[in-house]
Amino acid sequence: MAKISGDGYLNRYYIRYNNSCDILIDEFKQDMSYLFKDIKFNEGWKDSKTKYVQVNGKSKSEIFLRELSSFKSSDILVPESIKNSDDSIMAEYLRAFYDDEGCVAIRLHKKTNE
């Protein structure tokens, strides 16, 4: 889930992960292979020369959409299933997310400075 929230994309029909790092692409493929047996990957390059891996299938996408209703950057939340898991799962989730996002940034609301 962290990789999809970070450098991924999810809709009702497919899951896509974009990254220029082959190690992270392979990690995504291993994770998806663990979750879904006999999975088929579609691979290619975006216009920006960034590699992508895509998994098609509404049933696969729905599993992730049950955890988070939106994977848009502005809507990213840590899923309750991760919050309620043990420390090793939470640490792995955060590591995977920050492998993709690269930094922690604080955003201030302009009107309220919150």
Protein backbone atom coordinates (compact mmCIF):
# COMPACT_ATOMS: atom_id res chain seq x y z
CA MET A 1 0.00 0.00 0.00
CA ALA A 2 2.82 2.40 0.79
CA LYS A 3 4.33 2.12 -2.67
CA ILE A 4 0.96 2.75 -4.30
CA SER A 5 0.51 5.84 -2.10
CA GLY A 6 4.03 7.03 -2.88
CA ASP A 7 4.97 6.56 -6.52
CA GLY A 8 1.99 4.53 -7.58
CA TYR A 9 -1.41 4.93 -9.09
CA LEU A 10 -4.60 3.04 -8.40
CA ASN A 11 -8.00 3.04 -10.00
CA ARG A 12 -10.78 0.47 -10.14
CA TYR A 13 -9.13 -1.45 -12.98
CA TYR A 14 -5.38 -1.45 -12.41
CA ILE A 15 -2.52 -0.79 -10.03
CA ARG A 16 0.58 0.94 -11.36
CA TYR A 17 3.92 1.65 -9.74
CA ASN A 18 6.41 4.09 -11.30
CA ASN A 19 10.04 4.36 -10.29
CA SER A 20 13.48 4.83 -11.83
CA CYS A 21 15.08 2.51 -9.26
CA ASP A 22 15.14 -1.14 -10.37
CA ILE A 23 15.49 -2.31 -6.76
CA LEU A 24 12.21 -0.62 -5.78
CA ILE A 25 10.46 -1.89 -8.94
CA ASP A 26 11.57 -5.44 -8.05
CA GLU A 27 10.41 -4.96 -4.45
CA PHE A 28 6.96 -3.93 -5.69
CA LYS A 29 6.79 -6.99 -7.94
CA GLN A 30 7.82 -9.28 -5.07
CA ASP A 31 5.18 -7.77 -2.79
CA MET A 32 2.45 -8.12 -5.41
CA SER A 33 3.52 -11.69 -6.20
CA TYR A 34 3.26 -12.52 -2.51
CA LEU A 35 -0.28 -11.12 -2.33
CA PHE A 36 -1.57 -12.49 -5.63
CA LYS A 37 -0.51 -15.87 -6.97
CA ASP A 38 -0.03 -16.30 -10.73
CA ILE A 39 0.09 -12.56 -11.33
CA LYS A 40 0.94 -11.02 -14.68
CA PHE A 41 2.91 -7.78 -14.84
CA ASN A 42 2.77 -5.28 -17.66
CA GLU A 43 5.95 -3.24 -17.80
CA GLY A 44 7.01 -0.21 -19.79
CA TRP A 45 8.34 3.32 -19.77
CA LYS A 46 6.45 6.56 -19.24
CA ASP A 47 7.14 9.58 -21.43
CA SER A 48 9.40 10.90 -18.68
CA LYS A 49 11.64 7.80 -19.12
CA THR A 50 10.46 6.45 -15.78
CA LYS A 51 9.86 2.71 -15.64
CA TYR A 52 6.46 1.39 -14.60
CA VAL A 53 4.95 -1.93 -13.59
CA GLN A 54 1.22 -2.43 -13.88
CA VAL A 55 -1.13 -5.10 -12.58
CA ASN A 56 -4.58 -5.29 -14.13
CA GLY A 57 -7.68 -6.58 -12.45
CA LYS A 58 -10.64 -5.03 -10.71
CA SER A 59 -10.56 -7.64 -7.93
CA LYS A 60 -6.96 -6.75 -7.11
CA SER A 61 -7.61 -3.01 -7.08
CA GLU A 62 -10.64 -3.40 -4.84
CA ILE A 63 -8.51 -4.95 -2.09
CA PHE A 64 -6.49 -1.74 -1.83
CA LEU A 65 -9.49 0.54 -2.28
CA ARG A 66 -11.08 -1.07 0.79
CA GLU A 67 -8.10 0.15 2.83
CA LEU A 68 -7.97 3.69 1.42
CA SER A 69 -10.70 5.30 -0.62
CA SER A 70 -8.22 7.58 -2.39
CA PHE A 71 -4.56 7.27 -3.24
CA LYS A 72 -4.24 10.86 -4.51
CA SER A 73 -1.30 12.77 -3.04
CA SER A 74 -3.51 15.27 -1.27
CA ASP A 75 -5.59 12.49 0.35
CA ILE A 76 -2.85 10.14 1.57
CA LEU A 77 -3.48 8.68 5.00
CA VAL A 78 -1.93 5.80 6.87
CA PRO A 79 -4.53 3.01 6.73
CA GLU A 80 -6.09 1.85 9.99
CA SER A 81 -4.82 -1.68 9.34
CA ILE A 82 -1.26 -0.32 9.41
CA LYS A 83 -1.88 1.87 12.47
CA ASN A 84 -3.22 -1.17 14.33
CA SER A 85 -0.37 -3.47 13.32
CA ASP A 86 2.82 -4.26 15.20
CA ASP A 87 5.88 -2.01 15.08
CA SER A 88 7.69 -4.04 12.40
CA ILE A 89 4.78 -3.65 9.96
CA MET A 90 4.52 0.08 10.67
CA ALA A 91 8.28 0.50 10.18
CA GLU A 92 8.18 -1.36 6.86
CA TYR A 93 5.23 0.74 5.67
CA LEU A 94 7.02 4.00 6.52
CA ARG A 95 10.28 2.82 4.95
CA ALA A 96 8.51 1.90 1.70
CA PHE A 97 6.61 5.18 1.60
CA TYR A 98 9.68 7.34 2.22
CA ASP A 99 11.74 5.35 -0.30
CA ASP A 100 9.34 6.84 -2.83
CA GLU A 101 8.64 10.28 -1.39
CA GLY A 102 12.16 11.01 -0.21
CA CYS A 103 11.48 13.60 2.47
CA VAL A 104 9.14 14.86 5.12
CA ALA A 105 7.60 18.24 4.41
CA ILE A 106 5.40 20.38 6.60
CA ARG A 107 2.55 22.17 4.87
CA LEU A 108 1.00 25.22 6.45
CA HIS A 109 -2.52 26.31 5.66
CA LYS A 110 -2.06 29.87 4.38
CA LYS A 111 -5.13 31.36 6.05
CA THR A 112 -4.87 29.73 9.47
CA ASN A 113 -1.12 28.84 9.66
CA GLU A 114 -2.14 25.39 10.84
